[in-house]
C-alpha atoms as a PDB file:
ATOM      1  CA  MET A   1      37.063  81.895 163.365  1.00  0.00           C
ATOM      2  CA  PRO A   2      38.876  81.159 160.086  1.00  0.00           C
ATOM      3  CA  SER A   3      36.855  80.873 156.929  1.00  0.00           C
ATOM      4  CA  LYS A   4      37.465  79.753 153.372  1.00  0.00           C
ATOM      5  CA  ILE A   5      36.147  80.691 149.960  1.00  0.00           C
ATOM      6  CA  VAL A   6      34.592  77.911 147.896  1.00  0.00           C
ATOM      7  CA  ASN A   7      34.115  78.195 144.138  1.00  0.00           C
ATOM      8  CA  LEU A   8      30.702  76.607 143.563  1.00  0.00           C
ATOM      9  CA  THR A   9      30.955  76.890 139.800  1.00  0.00           C
ATOM     10  CA  ALA A  10      34.186  74.888 139.676  1.00  0.00           C
ATOM     11  CA  TYR A  11      32.569  72.014 141.531  1.00  0.00           C
ATOM     12  CA  ILE A  12      29.601  71.951 139.158  1.00  0.00           C
ATOM     13  CA  VAL A  13      31.814  72.272 136.060  1.00  0.00           C
ATOM     14  CA  VAL A  14      34.009  69.364 137.138  1.00  0.00           C
ATOM     15  CA  GLU A  15      30.978  67.166 137.847  1.00  0.00           C
ATOM     16  CA  SER A  16      29.320  68.167 134.549  1.00  0.00           C
ATOM     17  CA  ILE A  17      32.434  67.408 132.527  1.00  0.00           C
ATOM     18  CA  LYS A  18      32.724  64.030 134.225  1.00  0.00           C
ATOM     19  CA  ASN A  19      29.082  63.217 133.409  1.00  0.00           C
ATOM     20  CA  ILE A  20      29.345  64.412 129.809  1.00  0.00           C
ATOM     21  CA  LEU A  21      32.518  62.431 129.165  1.00  0.00           C
ATOM     22  CA  GLU A  22      30.822  59.254 130.395  1.00  0.00           C
ATOM     23  CA  ASP A  23      28.453  59.563 127.428  1.00  0.00           C
ATOM     24  CA  CYS A  24      31.222  60.278 124.901  1.00  0.00           C
ATOM     25  CA  LEU A  25      33.176  57.767 122.875  1.00  0.00           C
ATOM     26  CA  GLU A  26      36.068  56.184 124.741  1.00  0.00           C
ATOM     27  CA  TYR A  27      38.402  57.032 121.889  1.00  0.00           C
ATOM     28  CA  PRO A  28      39.357  59.840 121.502  1.00  0.00           C
ATOM     29  CA  TYR A  29      37.393  61.867 124.105  1.00  0.00           C
ATOM     30  CA  GLN A  30      37.513  59.778 127.278  1.00  0.00           C
ATOM     31  CA  MET A  31      41.080  58.739 126.552  1.00  0.00           C
ATOM     32  CA  MET A  32      42.259  62.293 125.884  1.00  0.00           C
ATOM     33  CA  PHE A  33      40.561  63.872 128.896  1.00  0.00           C
ATOM     34  CA  SER A  34      41.727  61.120 131.233  1.00  0.00           C
ATOM     35  CA  VAL A  35      45.116  62.848 130.975  1.00  0.00           C
ATOM     36  CA  SER A  36      45.235  65.368 133.832  1.00  0.00           C
ATOM     37  CA  TYR A  37      46.824  68.122 131.708  1.00  0.00           C
ATOM     38  CA  TYR A  38      44.018  68.110 129.116  1.00  0.00           C
ATOM     39  CA  ARG A  39      41.253  67.751 131.696  1.00  0.00           C
ATOM     40  CA  GLN A  40      42.607  70.764 133.626  1.00  0.00           C
ATOM     41  CA  ARG A  41      42.801  72.789 130.410  1.00  0.00           C
ATOM     42  CA  LEU A  42      39.180  71.914 129.603  1.00  0.00           C
ATOM     43  CA  ILE A  43      38.075  72.914 133.110  1.00  0.00           C
ATOM     44  CA  ALA A  44      40.068  76.167 132.977  1.00  0.00           C
ATOM     45  CA  GLN A  45      38.684  77.078 129.545  1.00  0.00           C
ATOM     46  CA  THR A  46      35.135  76.369 130.670  1.00  0.00           C
ATOM     47  CA  LEU A  47      35.512  78.374 133.898  1.00  0.00           C
ATOM     48  CA  SER A  48      36.967  81.339 132.011  1.00  0.00           C
ATOM     49  CA  SER A  49      33.925  81.363 129.723  1.00  0.00           C
ATOM     50  CA  ILE A  50      31.195  81.485 132.362  1.00  0.00           C
ATOM     51  CA  LYS A  51      30.257  83.504 135.429  1.00  0.00           C
ATOM     52  CA  ASN A  52      31.664  82.023 138.639  1.00  0.00           C
ATOM     53  CA  SER A  53      29.890  81.907 142.003  1.00  0.00           C
ATOM     54  CA  TYR A  54      31.671  81.815 145.351  1.00  0.00           C
ATOM     55  CA  VAL A  55      30.560  81.331 148.934  1.00  0.00           C
ATOM     56  CA  VAL A  56      32.403  81.886 152.208  1.00  0.00           C
ATOM     57  CA  ILE A  57      32.126  79.097 154.770  1.00  0.00           C
ATOM     58  CA  GLN A  58      33.647  78.475 158.171  1.00  0.00           C
ATOM     59  CA  ASP A  59      36.583  76.046 158.236  1.00  0.00           C
ATOM     60  CA  THR A  60      34.567  73.725 160.450  1.00  0.00           C
ATOM     61  CA  GLU A  61      31.764  73.467 157.870  1.00  0.00           C
ATOM     62  CA  GLU A  62      31.772  71.023 155.012  1.00  0.00           C
ATOM     63  CA  LEU A  63      29.659  71.211 151.892  1.00  0.00           C
ATOM     64  CA  ASP A  64      28.175  68.096 150.416  1.00  0.00           C
ATOM     65  CA  GLU A  65      27.039  67.830 146.807  1.00  0.00           C
ATOM     66  CA  LEU A  66      23.429  68.744 147.570  1.00  0.00           C
ATOM     67  CA  ASP A  67      24.484  71.890 149.478  1.00  0.00           C
ATOM     68  CA  VAL A  68      26.597  73.042 146.535  1.00  0.00           C
ATOM     69  CA  VAL A  69      23.741  72.614 144.066  1.00  0.00           C
ATOM     70  CA  ARG A  70      21.298  74.425 146.365  1.00  0.00           C
ATOM     71  CA  LEU A  71      23.659  77.339 146.956  1.00  0.00           C
ATOM     72  CA  HIS A  72      24.466  77.669 143.276  1.00  0.00           C
ATOM     73  CA  MET A  73      20.776  77.861 142.377  1.00  0.00           C
ATOM     74  CA  PHE A  74      20.311  80.937 144.604  1.00  0.00           C
ATOM     75  CA  LEU A  75      23.302  82.883 143.287  1.00  0.00           C
END
């Protein structure tokens, strides 16, 4: 049965950045990071600075947000 590798840290980083930017000033932060290029650079820089956690799941499985948070807490 095929499986796939899921980066749990990337999911949490993306969600955290989204939540943090909601609290920031619209100009310049929200405006700047609404551009895909800059948002991807921010995500890449953040991921390169922290330890990443991965999990292998079956292709038929899907992870919801709660599953990702639970799995990340145990790694």
